Amino acid sequence: MQVYKVIKTEHVRKRPKWLMRFLIKIPTELYEETTSTETAAGNLRAIGQLVLDSGVLEKRKGLQLQQRDDIVSIHSSRGRMYVRFSISECR
């Protein structure tokens, strides 16, 4: 049985304050545990929902959420990536 996990990748040198406050709100169990592919996809959807529920997109004008089956990312309207959560296979 193959195991998967959600990987958090930050694409900024210095975290903005809004990003630090947002990352603190995400339980590490959502992106640290190794699970099946279905559970990892569920965790990724939960992270996407946390982004929407946190209000960070409304408070910080110009931020956008990109949500696909295997990736959730927050980036600026100009395309600058801040953080990305993706599903990766553990070996």
N, C-alpha and C. Protein backbone atom coordinates (compact mmCIF):
# COMPACT_ATOMS: atom_id res chain seq x y z
N MET A 1 0.83 -1.18 0.00
CA MET A 1 0.00 0.00 0.00
C MET A 1 0.88 1.25 0.00
N GLN A 2 0.60 2.16 -0.91
CA GLN A 2 1.37 3.38 -0.98
C GLN A 2 0.78 4.41 -0.02
N VAL A 3 1.65 5.19 0.58
CA VAL A 3 1.19 6.23 1.50
C VAL A 3 1.52 7.60 0.92
N TYR A 4 0.68 8.55 1.25
CA TYR A 4 0.80 9.91 0.73
C TYR A 4 0.74 10.89 1.88
N LYS A 5 1.20 12.10 1.63
CA LYS A 5 1.06 13.17 2.61
C LYS A 5 0.95 14.49 1.88
N VAL A 6 0.40 15.45 2.56
CA VAL A 6 0.28 16.80 2.02
C VAL A 6 1.56 17.55 2.40
N ILE A 7 2.21 18.11 1.40
CA ILE A 7 3.47 18.83 1.60
C ILE A 7 3.19 20.33 1.55
N LYS A 8 3.71 21.07 2.53
CA LYS A 8 3.61 22.52 2.54
C LYS A 8 4.91 23.10 1.99
N THR A 9 4.81 23.96 0.98
CA THR A 9 5.97 24.59 0.38
C THR A 9 5.76 26.10 0.41
N GLU A 10 6.67 26.80 1.08
CA GLU A 10 6.59 28.26 1.12
C GLU A 10 7.50 28.83 0.05
N HIS A 11 7.02 29.85 -0.65
CA HIS A 11 7.76 30.42 -1.77
C HIS A 11 8.19 31.85 -1.49
N VAL A 12 8.36 32.21 -0.24
CA VAL A 12 8.80 33.55 0.13
C VAL A 12 10.02 33.45 1.05
N ARG A 13 10.90 34.43 0.93
CA ARG A 13 12.07 34.43 1.82
C ARG A 13 11.68 34.81 3.24
N LYS A 14 10.90 35.87 3.35
CA LYS A 14 10.46 36.33 4.66
C LYS A 14 8.93 36.28 4.68
N ARG A 15 8.39 35.60 5.65
CA ARG A 15 6.94 35.44 5.74
C ARG A 15 6.28 36.77 6.10
N PRO A 16 5.27 37.17 5.33
CA PRO A 16 4.46 38.32 5.76
C PRO A 16 3.68 37.95 7.02
N LYS A 17 3.28 38.95 7.79
CA LYS A 17 2.57 38.68 9.04
C LYS A 17 1.27 37.94 8.80
N TRP A 18 0.54 38.28 7.73
CA TRP A 18 -0.72 37.60 7.47
C TRP A 18 -0.50 36.12 7.20
N LEU A 19 0.63 35.78 6.55
CA LEU A 19 0.92 34.38 6.25
C LEU A 19 1.25 33.61 7.52
N MET A 20 2.02 34.24 8.41
CA MET A 20 2.35 33.59 9.69
C MET A 20 1.08 33.32 10.49
N ARG A 21 0.19 34.31 10.57
CA ARG A 21 -1.05 34.12 11.33
C ARG A 21 -1.92 33.03 10.70
N PHE A 22 -1.93 32.98 9.39
CA PHE A 22 -2.73 31.97 8.72
C PHE A 22 -2.16 30.56 8.93
N LEU A 23 -0.85 30.41 8.79
CA LEU A 23 -0.23 29.09 8.94
C LEU A 23 -0.39 28.53 10.35
N ILE A 24 -0.44 29.42 11.34
CA ILE A 24 -0.64 28.97 12.72
C ILE A 24 -2.03 28.34 12.89
N LYS A 25 -3.00 28.81 12.12
CA LYS A 25 -4.37 28.31 12.24
C LYS A 25 -4.57 26.92 11.63
N ILE A 26 -3.64 26.48 10.79
CA ILE A 26 -3.78 25.18 10.14
C ILE A 26 -3.21 24.09 11.04
N PRO A 27 -4.02 23.11 11.43
CA PRO A 27 -3.50 22.02 12.25
C PRO A 27 -2.43 21.23 11.47
N THR A 28 -1.32 20.94 12.12
CA THR A 28 -0.23 20.23 11.44
C THR A 28 -0.63 18.82 11.05
N GLU A 29 -1.67 18.27 11.68
CA GLU A 29 -2.12 16.93 11.32
C GLU A 29 -2.60 16.87 9.87
N LEU A 30 -3.03 18.00 9.33
CA LEU A 30 -3.53 18.02 7.96
C LEU A 30 -2.41 17.86 6.93
N TYR A 31 -1.19 18.27 7.27
CA TYR A 31 -0.12 18.17 6.27
C TYR A 31 1.13 17.44 6.76
N GLU A 32 1.11 16.87 7.93
CA GLU A 32 2.28 16.15 8.42
C GLU A 32 2.12 14.63 8.40
N GLU A 33 0.89 14.15 8.53
CA GLU A 33 0.67 12.71 8.65
C GLU A 33 0.72 12.02 7.29
N THR A 34 1.22 10.79 7.28
CA THR A 34 1.19 9.97 6.07
C THR A 34 -0.11 9.17 6.09
N THR A 35 -0.83 9.20 4.97
CA THR A 35 -2.15 8.58 4.90
C THR A 35 -2.37 8.00 3.51
N SER A 36 -3.56 7.49 3.31
CA SER A 36 -3.93 7.00 1.98
C SER A 36 -4.20 8.20 1.07
N THR A 37 -4.32 7.93 -0.21
CA THR A 37 -4.53 9.01 -1.17
C THR A 37 -5.88 9.71 -0.95
N GLU A 38 -6.90 8.96 -0.54
CA GLU A 38 -8.20 9.57 -0.29
C GLU A 38 -8.16 10.50 0.91
N THR A 39 -7.49 10.07 1.97
CA THR A 39 -7.39 10.90 3.16
C THR A 39 -6.55 12.14 2.89
N ALA A 40 -5.47 11.99 2.12
CA ALA A 40 -4.63 13.14 1.77
C ALA A 40 -5.43 14.15 0.94
N ALA A 41 -6.25 13.65 0.03
CA ALA A 41 -7.09 14.55 -0.78
C ALA A 41 -8.12 15.25 0.10
N GLY A 42 -8.65 14.55 1.09
CA GLY A 42 -9.58 15.16 2.04
C GLY A 42 -8.91 16.24 2.87
N ASN A 43 -7.67 15.96 3.31
CA ASN A 43 -6.91 16.96 4.06
C ASN A 43 -6.64 18.19 3.22
N LEU A 44 -6.35 17.98 1.95
CA LEU A 44 -6.09 19.10 1.04
C LEU A 44 -7.36 19.95 0.86
N ARG A 45 -8.50 19.30 0.73
CA ARG A 45 -9.76 20.04 0.64
C ARG A 45 -10.04 20.81 1.93
N ALA A 46 -9.69 20.21 3.07
CA ALA A 46 -9.89 20.89 4.36
C ALA A 46 -9.01 22.13 4.45
N ILE A 47 -7.78 22.05 3.94
CA ILE A 47 -6.90 23.21 3.94
C ILE A 47 -7.48 24.31 3.05
N GLY A 48 -7.99 23.93 1.89
CA GLY A 48 -8.63 24.90 1.00
C GLY A 48 -9.82 25.56 1.67
N GLN A 49 -10.60 24.79 2.40
CA GLN A 49 -11.75 25.35 3.11
C GLN A 49 -11.29 26.29 4.23
N LEU A 50 -10.18 25.96 4.90
CA LEU A 50 -9.64 26.84 5.94
C LEU A 50 -9.21 28.18 5.34
N VAL A 51 -8.65 28.15 4.14
CA VAL A 51 -8.28 29.39 3.47
C VAL A 51 -9.52 30.25 3.25
N LEU A 52 -10.58 29.64 2.77
CA LEU A 52 -11.81 30.38 2.51
C LEU A 52 -12.45 30.88 3.80
N ASP A 53 -12.47 30.04 4.83
CA ASP A 53 -13.11 30.40 6.10
C ASP A 53 -12.31 31.43 6.90
N SER A 54 -11.00 31.47 6.70
CA SER A 54 -10.17 32.37 7.50
C SER A 54 -10.38 33.84 7.14
N GLY A 55 -10.87 34.11 5.95
CA GLY A 55 -11.08 35.48 5.53
C GLY A 55 -9.83 36.18 5.04
N VAL A 56 -8.74 35.44 4.89
CA VAL A 56 -7.49 36.07 4.46
C VAL A 56 -7.61 36.63 3.04
N LEU A 57 -8.41 36.01 2.21
CA LEU A 57 -8.57 36.49 0.84
C LEU A 57 -9.34 37.81 0.80
N GLU A 58 -10.29 37.98 1.73
CA GLU A 58 -11.06 39.21 1.78
C GLU A 58 -10.27 40.34 2.45
N LYS A 59 -9.50 39.98 3.47
CA LYS A 59 -8.74 41.00 4.20
C LYS A 59 -7.56 41.52 3.39
N ARG A 60 -6.92 40.63 2.66
CA ARG A 60 -5.75 41.01 1.86
C ARG A 60 -6.17 41.07 0.40
N LYS A 61 -6.51 42.25 -0.06
CA LYS A 61 -6.94 42.41 -1.45
C LYS A 61 -5.78 42.02 -2.36
N GLY A 62 -6.09 41.35 -3.43
CA GLY A 62 -5.06 40.95 -4.39
C GLY A 62 -4.56 39.53 -4.20
N LEU A 63 -5.03 38.83 -3.16
CA LEU A 63 -4.65 37.43 -3.00
C LEU A 63 -5.67 36.55 -3.69
N GLN A 64 -5.18 35.47 -4.25
CA GLN A 64 -6.06 34.53 -4.95
C GLN A 64 -5.78 33.12 -4.47
N LEU A 65 -6.80 32.30 -4.49
CA LEU A 65 -6.70 30.90 -4.13
C LEU A 65 -6.82 30.07 -5.39
N GLN A 66 -5.86 29.18 -5.57
CA GLN A 66 -5.95 28.22 -6.66
C GLN A 66 -6.13 26.84 -6.03
N GLN A 67 -7.22 26.19 -6.38
CA GLN A 67 -7.55 24.90 -5.76
C GLN A 67 -7.86 23.91 -6.86
N ARG A 68 -7.03 22.86 -6.93
CA ARG A 68 -7.25 21.76 -7.86
C ARG A 68 -7.30 20.46 -7.06
N ASP A 69 -7.38 19.34 -7.76
CA ASP A 69 -7.46 18.05 -7.06
C ASP A 69 -6.23 17.76 -6.22
N ASP A 70 -5.05 18.17 -6.68
CA ASP A 70 -3.82 17.82 -5.99
C ASP A 70 -3.02 19.00 -5.48
N ILE A 71 -3.53 20.23 -5.64
CA ILE A 71 -2.79 21.43 -5.20
C ILE A 71 -3.76 22.48 -4.67
N VAL A 72 -3.36 23.11 -3.57
CA VAL A 72 -4.02 24.31 -3.06
C VAL A 72 -2.91 25.34 -2.88
N SER A 73 -3.07 26.51 -3.49
CA SER A 73 -2.02 27.53 -3.37
C SER A 73 -2.64 28.90 -3.19
N ILE A 74 -1.88 29.77 -2.52
CA ILE A 74 -2.25 31.17 -2.36
C ILE A 74 -1.19 31.98 -3.10
N HIS A 75 -1.65 32.85 -3.99
CA HIS A 75 -0.71 33.68 -4.73
C HIS A 75 -1.33 35.05 -4.94
N SER A 76 -0.48 36.00 -5.35
CA SER A 76 -0.95 37.36 -5.58
C SER A 76 -1.63 37.44 -6.93
N SER A 77 -2.30 38.55 -7.17
CA SER A 77 -2.97 38.73 -8.45
C SER A 77 -1.96 38.85 -9.59
N ARG A 78 -0.73 39.16 -9.27
CA ARG A 78 0.33 39.23 -10.28
C ARG A 78 1.02 37.89 -10.49
N GLY A 79 0.62 36.89 -9.73
CA GLY A 79 1.16 35.54 -9.93
C GLY A 79 2.25 35.13 -8.97
N ARG A 80 2.61 35.99 -8.01
CA ARG A 80 3.65 35.63 -7.03
C ARG A 80 3.09 34.60 -6.05
N MET A 81 3.74 33.45 -5.99
CA MET A 81 3.29 32.37 -5.12
C MET A 81 3.77 32.63 -3.69
N TYR A 82 2.87 32.45 -2.72
CA TYR A 82 3.23 32.59 -1.31
C TYR A 82 3.39 31.22 -0.65
N VAL A 83 2.38 30.38 -0.77
CA VAL A 83 2.44 29.06 -0.15
C VAL A 83 1.64 28.09 -1.02
N ARG A 84 2.11 26.84 -1.02
CA ARG A 84 1.45 25.80 -1.80
C ARG A 84 1.38 24.53 -0.97
N PHE A 85 0.24 23.88 -1.01
CA PHE A 85 0.04 22.58 -0.39
C PHE A 85 -0.24 21.60 -1.50
N SER A 86 0.50 20.51 -1.55
CA SER A 86 0.31 19.52 -2.61
C SER A 86 0.43 18.12 -2.04
N ILE A 87 -0.13 17.16 -2.76
CA ILE A 87 -0.07 15.75 -2.35
C ILE A 87 1.18 15.12 -2.95
N SER A 88 1.93 14.42 -2.11
CA SER A 88 3.15 13.78 -2.57
C SER A 88 3.19 12.35 -2.02
N GLU A 89 3.77 11.48 -2.81
CA GLU A 89 3.91 10.08 -2.40
C GLU A 89 5.13 9.95 -1.49
N CYS A 90 4.95 9.25 -0.37
CA CYS A 90 6.05 9.00 0.56
C CYS A 90 6.73 7.70 0.18
N ARG A 91 8.03 7.70 0.26
CA ARG A 91 8.78 6.48 -0.09
C ARG A 91 9.44 5.91 1.12
